[in-house]
C-alpha atoms as a PDB file:
ATOM      1  CA  MET A   1      28.115 -25.836 -16.769  1.00  0.00           C
ATOM      2  CA  ALA A   2      24.857 -25.887 -16.283  1.00  0.00           C
ATOM      3  CA  HIS A   3      24.529 -29.897 -16.991  1.00  0.00           C
ATOM      4  CA  ARG A   4      27.602 -30.322 -14.046  1.00  0.00           C
ATOM      5  CA  MET A   5      24.940 -28.515 -11.718  1.00  0.00           C
ATOM      6  CA  ASP A   6      21.888 -29.915 -12.825  1.00  0.00           C
ATOM      7  CA  GLU A   7      24.061 -33.644 -12.153  1.00  0.00           C
ATOM      8  CA  LEU A   8      25.211 -32.333  -8.469  1.00  0.00           C
ATOM      9  CA  LYS A   9      21.412 -31.104  -8.274  1.00  0.00           C
ATOM     10  CA  GLN A  10      20.730 -34.719  -8.691  1.00  0.00           C
ATOM     11  CA  LYS A  11      23.330 -36.275  -6.555  1.00  0.00           C
ATOM     12  CA  LEU A  12      22.432 -34.566  -3.951  1.00  0.00           C
ATOM     13  CA  LEU A  13      18.398 -34.790  -3.772  1.00  0.00           C
ATOM     14  CA  GLY A  14      19.557 -38.889  -4.663  1.00  0.00           C
ATOM     15  CA  LEU A  15      21.771 -38.527  -1.041  1.00  0.00           C
ATOM     16  CA  ILE A  16      18.714 -36.546   0.379  1.00  0.00           C
ATOM     17  CA  ASN A  17      16.085 -39.076  -0.462  1.00  0.00           C
ATOM     18  CA  LYS A  18      18.124 -42.212  -0.136  1.00  0.00           C
ATOM     19  CA  GLN A  19      17.033 -44.671   2.692  1.00  0.00           C
ATOM     20  CA  PRO A  20      19.206 -47.242   4.200  1.00  0.00           C
ATOM     21  CA  PRO A  21      17.883 -50.494   2.541  1.00  0.00           C
ATOM     22  CA  LYS A  22      15.167 -52.544   4.792  1.00  0.00           C
ATOM     23  CA  ILE A  23      16.646 -55.932   5.785  1.00  0.00           C
ATOM     24  CA  PRO A  24      13.798 -58.410   6.811  1.00  0.00           C
ATOM     25  CA  SER A  25      14.071 -60.504  10.168  1.00  0.00           C
ATOM     26  CA  MET A  26      15.934 -63.905  10.149  1.00  0.00           C
ATOM     27  CA  GLY A  27      15.441 -65.032  13.171  1.00  0.00           C
ATOM     28  CA  PHE A  28      18.940 -63.614  14.995  1.00  0.00           C
ATOM     29  CA  ASN A  29      19.072 -60.586  16.951  1.00  0.00           C
ATOM     30  CA  ASP A  30      21.500 -57.699  16.380  1.00  0.00           C
ATOM     31  CA  ALA A  31      22.367 -58.140  19.878  1.00  0.00           C
ATOM     32  CA  ASN A  32      24.471 -61.245  19.306  1.00  0.00           C
ATOM     33  CA  TYR A  33      27.230 -58.935  16.956  1.00  0.00           C
ATOM     34  CA  HIS A  34      29.012 -56.175  18.539  1.00  0.00           C
ATOM     35  CA  PHE A  35      28.962 -53.630  15.647  1.00  0.00           C
ATOM     36  CA  SER A  36      31.138 -50.330  16.017  1.00  0.00           C
ATOM     37  CA  GLN A  37      28.880 -47.794  16.728  1.00  0.00           C
ATOM     38  CA  VAL A  38      29.717 -44.413  14.687  1.00  0.00           C
ATOM     39  CA  PRO A  39      28.771 -41.572  16.357  1.00  0.00           C
ATOM     40  CA  THR A  40      25.579 -40.173  14.893  1.00  0.00           C
ATOM     41  CA  LEU A  41      25.584 -36.105  13.751  1.00  0.00           C
ATOM     42  CA  SER A  42      22.995 -34.800  15.289  1.00  0.00           C
ATOM     43  CA  ILE A  43      21.421 -31.807  12.840  1.00  0.00           C
ATOM     44  CA  ASN A  44      19.056 -30.505  15.848  1.00  0.00           C
ATOM     45  CA  SER A  45      21.345 -28.402  17.834  1.00  0.00           C
ATOM     46  CA  LYS A  46      18.944 -28.634  20.716  1.00  0.00           C
ATOM     47  CA  THR A  47      19.915 -32.088  21.216  1.00  0.00           C
ATOM     48  CA  ALA A  48      23.829 -31.180  20.815  1.00  0.00           C
ATOM     49  CA  PRO A  49      25.435 -30.937  24.206  1.00  0.00           C
ATOM     50  CA  GLU A  50      25.991 -27.430  24.828  1.00  0.00           C
ATOM     51  CA  VAL A  51      29.856 -28.629  25.707  1.00  0.00           C
ATOM     52  CA  ASP A  52      30.140 -29.534  21.906  1.00  0.00           C
ATOM     53  CA  ARG A  53      28.697 -26.409  21.034  1.00  0.00           C
ATOM     54  CA  PRO A  54      30.977 -23.503  20.071  1.00  0.00           C
ATOM     55  CA  ALA A  55      30.312 -19.581  21.331  1.00  0.00           C
ATOM     56  CA  ASP A  56      27.988 -17.910  19.749  1.00  0.00           C
ATOM     57  CA  GLN A  57      30.056 -15.025  19.041  1.00  0.00           C
ATOM     58  CA  ASP A  58      32.991 -17.833  17.205  1.00  0.00           C
ATOM     59  CA  ILE A  59      29.859 -19.310  15.431  1.00  0.00           C
ATOM     60  CA  LEU A  60      29.185 -15.258  13.849  1.00  0.00           C
ATOM     61  CA  GLU A  61      32.619 -14.536  13.126  1.00  0.00           C
ATOM     62  CA  GLY A  62      32.793 -18.017  11.012  1.00  0.00           C
ATOM     63  CA  ILE A  63      30.685 -16.659   8.662  1.00  0.00           C
ATOM     64  CA  GLU A  64      31.667 -16.559   5.603  1.00  0.00           C
ATOM     65  CA  ALA A  65      31.661 -13.133   4.061  1.00  0.00           C
ATOM     66  CA  ALA A  66      30.340 -13.880   1.252  1.00  0.00           C
ATOM     67  CA  TYR A  67      26.596 -14.351   2.935  1.00  0.00           C
ATOM     68  CA  PHE A  68      27.309 -10.545   3.754  1.00  0.00           C
ATOM     69  CA  SER A  69      26.767  -9.800  -0.163  1.00  0.00           C
ATOM     70  CA  MET A  70      24.796  -6.564  -0.625  1.00  0.00           C
ATOM     71  CA  ARG A  71      24.462  -7.942  -4.490  1.00  0.00           C
ATOM     72  CA  GLU A  72      20.761  -8.784  -5.250  1.00  0.00           C
ATOM     73  CA  ASP A  73      22.115 -11.976  -7.910  1.00  0.00           C
ATOM     74  CA  PHE A  74      23.746 -13.400  -5.186  1.00  0.00           C
ATOM     75  CA  ASP A  75      22.094 -17.321  -4.577  1.00  0.00           C
ATOM     76  CA  ILE A  76      23.015 -18.374  -1.527  1.00  0.00           C
ATOM     77  CA  CYS A  77      21.891 -22.393  -2.468  1.00  0.00           C
ATOM     78  CA  ARG A  78      23.992 -21.940  -5.723  1.00  0.00           C
ATOM     79  CA  PHE A  79      27.016 -20.723  -3.413  1.00  0.00           C
ATOM     80  CA  GLU A  80      26.607 -23.802  -1.395  1.00  0.00           C
ATOM     81  CA  LEU A  81      25.716 -26.026  -4.096  1.00  0.00           C
ATOM     82  CA  GLU A  82      29.024 -24.684  -5.636  1.00  0.00           C
ATOM     83  CA  LYS A  83      30.732 -25.469  -2.297  1.00  0.00           C
ATOM     84  CA  LEU A  84      30.301 -29.059  -2.920  1.00  0.00           C
ATOM     85  CA  PRO A  85      33.155 -31.649  -4.051  1.00  0.00           C
ATOM     86  CA  ASP A  86      32.744 -34.047  -7.101  1.00  0.00           C
ATOM     87  CA  MET A  87      32.546 -36.841  -4.294  1.00  0.00           C
ATOM     88  CA  LEU A  88      29.869 -36.238  -1.962  1.00  0.00           C
ATOM     89  CA  ASP A  89      30.102 -37.156   1.891  1.00  0.00           C
ATOM     90  CA  CYS A  90      26.735 -37.387   3.512  1.00  0.00           C
ATOM     91  CA  ASP A  91      28.800 -36.929   7.160  1.00  0.00           C
ATOM     92  CA  GLN A  92      30.675 -33.531   5.710  1.00  0.00           C
ATOM     93  CA  ILE A  93      27.242 -32.459   4.269  1.00  0.00           C
ATOM     94  CA  GLN A  94      25.515 -33.163   7.435  1.00  0.00           C
ATOM     95  CA  ARG A  95      28.043 -31.614   9.396  1.00  0.00           C
ATOM     96  CA  ASP A  96      27.781 -28.609   6.896  1.00  0.00           C
ATOM     97  CA  PHE A  97      24.658 -28.692   7.615  1.00  0.00           C
ATOM     98  CA  LYS A  98      24.544 -28.520  11.074  1.00  0.00           C
ATOM     99  CA  LYS A  99      27.084 -25.718  10.731  1.00  0.00           C
ATOM    100  CA  LEU A 100      24.904 -23.648   8.634  1.00  0.00           C
ATOM    101  CA  LYS A 101      21.674 -24.092  11.325  1.00  0.00           C
ATOM    102  CA  GLN A 102      24.001 -23.372  13.970  1.00  0.00           C
ATOM    103  CA  GLN A 103      24.815 -19.596  12.112  1.00  0.00           C
ATOM    104  CA  HIS A 104      21.396 -19.525  11.704  1.00  0.00           C
ATOM    105  CA  GLN A 105      20.091 -19.956  14.709  1.00  0.00           C
ATOM    106  CA  VAL A 106      23.052 -17.655  16.631  1.00  0.00           C
ATOM    107  CA  VAL A 107      22.591 -15.060  13.434  1.00  0.00           C
ATOM    108  CA  SER A 108      18.543 -15.058  14.335  1.00  0.00           C
ATOM    109  CA  LYS A 109      19.252 -15.038  17.967  1.00  0.00           C
ATOM    110  CA  LYS A 110      21.745 -11.935  17.691  1.00  0.00           C
ATOM    111  CA  VAL A 111      18.801 -10.107  15.579  1.00  0.00           C
ATOM    112  CA  LEU A 112      16.586 -10.260  18.056  1.00  0.00           C
ATOM    113  CA  GLN A 113      18.814  -9.438  20.697  1.00  0.00           C
ATOM    114  CA  LEU A 114      19.626  -6.479  19.159  1.00  0.00           C
ATOM    115  CA  ILE A 115      16.001  -5.390  18.104  1.00  0.00           C
ATOM    116  CA  LEU A 116      15.092  -5.729  21.919  1.00  0.00           C
ATOM    117  CA  GLU A 117      18.503  -3.923  22.920  1.00  0.00           C
ATOM    118  CA  HIS A 118      16.994  -0.962  20.262  1.00  0.00           C
ATOM    119  CA  GLN A 119      13.552  -1.065  20.838  1.00  0.00           C
ATOM    120  CA  ASN A 120      13.220   1.825  23.752  1.00  0.00           C
ATOM    121  CA  GLY A 121      15.322   3.750  21.589  1.00  0.00           C
ATOM    122  CA  CYS A 122      13.570   3.017  18.393  1.00  0.00           C
ATOM    123  CA  SER A 123      10.326   3.541  20.605  1.00  0.00           C
ATOM    124  CA  ALA A 124      11.838   7.216  21.752  1.00  0.00           C
ATOM    125  CA  GLU A 125      12.357   8.024  18.281  1.00  0.00           C
ATOM    126  CA  PHE A 126       9.365   7.451  17.079  1.00  0.00           C
ATOM    127  CA  GLU A 127       7.136   9.617  20.035  1.00  0.00           C
ATOM    128  CA  LYS A 128       9.737  12.499  18.519  1.00  0.00           C
ATOM    129  CA  ILE A 129       8.616  11.317  15.120  1.00  0.00           C
ATOM    130  CA  VAL A 130       4.816  11.452  15.573  1.00  0.00           C
ATOM    131  CA  LYS A 131       5.166  14.900  17.735  1.00  0.00           C
ATOM    132  CA  VAL A 132       7.256  16.447  14.565  1.00  0.00           C
ATOM    133  CA  LEU A 133       4.484  15.315  12.511  1.00  0.00           C
ATOM    134  CA  GLU A 134       1.898  17.009  14.783  1.00  0.00           C
ATOM    135  CA  GLN A 135       4.055  20.011  14.676  1.00  0.00           C
ATOM    136  CA  VAL A 136       4.459  19.976  10.675  1.00  0.00           C
ATOM    137  CA  LYS A 137       0.528  19.527  10.013  1.00  0.00           C
ATOM    138  CA  ILE A 138       0.284  22.809  12.591  1.00  0.00           C
ATOM    139  CA  ALA A 139       2.508  24.376  10.737  1.00  0.00           C
ATOM    140  CA  LEU A 140       0.939  23.644   7.677  1.00  0.00           C
ATOM    141  CA  ASP A 141      -2.676  24.740   8.429  1.00  0.00           C
ATOM    142  CA  LEU A 142      -0.659  27.988  10.089  1.00  0.00           C
ATOM    143  CA  CYS A 143       0.856  28.440   6.335  1.00  0.00           C
ATOM    144  CA  ARG A 144      -2.738  27.849   4.553  1.00  0.00           C
ATOM    145  CA  ASN A 145      -4.632  30.762   6.980  1.00  0.00           C
ATOM    146  CA  SER A 146      -1.680  33.025   6.423  1.00  0.00           C
ATOM    147  CA  ARG A 147      -2.143  32.301   2.652  1.00  0.00           C
ATOM    148  CA  ARG A 148      -6.075  32.699   2.497  1.00  0.00           C
ATOM    149  CA  GLU A 149      -5.439  35.914   4.838  1.00  0.00           C
ATOM    150  CA  LEU A 150      -2.533  37.176   2.873  1.00  0.00           C
ATOM    151  CA  ASN A 151      -4.846  36.674  -0.705  1.00  0.00           C
ATOM    152  CA  VAL A 152      -7.627  38.337   1.408  1.00  0.00           C
ATOM    153  CA  ALA A 153      -5.275  41.283   2.442  1.00  0.00           C
ATOM    154  CA  ARG A 154      -4.023  41.660  -1.289  1.00  0.00           C
ATOM    155  CA  LYS A 155      -7.731  42.037  -2.388  1.00  0.00           C
ATOM    156  CA  GLN A 156      -8.604  44.461  -0.019  1.00  0.00           C
ATOM    157  CA  PHE A 157      -4.928  46.870  -0.577  1.00  0.00           C
ATOM    158  CA  THR A 158      -6.003  46.211  -4.541  1.00  0.00           C
ATOM    159  CA  SER A 159      -9.191  47.533  -3.948  1.00  0.00           C
ATOM    160  CA  SER A 160      -7.959  50.248  -1.060  1.00  0.00           C
ATOM    161  CA  LEU A 161      -5.188  51.698  -4.032  1.00  0.00           C
ATOM    162  CA  GLY A 162      -8.571  51.863  -6.560  1.00  0.00           C
ATOM    163  CA  ILE A 163     -10.482  53.667  -3.795  1.00  0.00           C
ATOM    164  CA  LEU A 164      -7.133  55.739  -3.160  1.00  0.00           C
ATOM    165  CA  ALA A 165      -6.297  56.369  -7.118  1.00  0.00           C
ATOM    166  CA  ASN A 166     -10.506  57.498  -7.461  1.00  0.00           C
ATOM    167  CA  TYR A 167     -10.272  59.935  -4.558  1.00  0.00           C
ATOM    168  CA  ARG A 168      -7.099  61.619  -5.976  1.00  0.00           C
ATOM    169  CA  LYS A 169      -8.967  62.103  -9.705  1.00  0.00           C
ATOM    170  CA  ARG A 170     -11.785  63.510  -7.821  1.00  0.00           C
ATOM    171  CA  LYS A 171      -9.738  65.979  -5.669  1.00  0.00           C
ATOM    172  CA  SER A 172      -7.743  66.859  -8.811  1.00  0.00           C
ATOM    173  CA  ALA A 173     -11.007  67.379 -10.732  1.00  0.00           C
ATOM    174  CA  GLN A 174     -12.324  69.357  -8.280  1.00  0.00           C
ATOM    175  CA  ASN A 175      -9.429  71.148  -7.729  1.00  0.00           C
ATOM    176  CA  LEU A 176      -9.221  71.981 -11.672  1.00  0.00           C
ATOM    177  CA  LEU A 177     -13.117  72.881 -11.536  1.00  0.00           C
ATOM    178  CA  ASN A 178     -12.372  75.275  -8.591  1.00  0.00           C
ATOM    179  CA  ASN A 179      -9.290  76.874 -10.534  1.00  0.00           C
ATOM    180  CA  LEU A 180     -11.584  77.167 -13.501  1.00  0.00           C
ATOM    181  CA  MET A 181     -14.540  79.007 -11.283  1.00  0.00           C
ATOM    182  CA  MET A 182     -12.166  81.276 -10.191  1.00  0.00           C
ATOM    183  CA  ILE A 183     -10.379  82.428 -13.240  1.00  0.00           C
ATOM    184  CA  LYS A 184     -14.261  82.782 -14.756  1.00  0.00           C
ATOM    185  CA  ASN A 185     -14.903  85.317 -11.541  1.00  0.00           C
ATOM    186  CA  LEU A 186     -11.988  87.221 -12.548  1.00  0.00           C
ATOM    187  CA  PHE A 187     -13.398  87.737 -16.050  1.00  0.00           C
END
């Protein structure tokens, strides 16, 4: 399989690099002979007449499903090379190339159109996100300050409980001393 692919690639590169043989001029003019003109295929879609071009929607619908593959190992070049027949036809390759180029241009145009259509909505959503981020930052600062103040309040509360415990002990000790003094005075 790998050998066949290499052979196919070599054929394809040979066709691409193949140039017509240069025939030296020998004193006669080609205008004297009437050759049938074969229509040349234009690869550049800008030179193709608009009448010959199908509608953008038709081109989009004509794109093969394989191009929408989400697989990471999908290789577009290999896919196109595997579609080539054993006998290569230069005209067919040019037609396929023109078709692929048209598809690419239509897809690019459609993507740009969708981007422009959704740009305002995207900008509005981005502004909302920025506002939410600002609110989250304010809430985060508020939480940090609250935790800091809660920590201070906890320390003060612990100190207050210590003071109250000492005061209670002191009162208990004073009551005990007063009771002892009363008992001593009674005897």
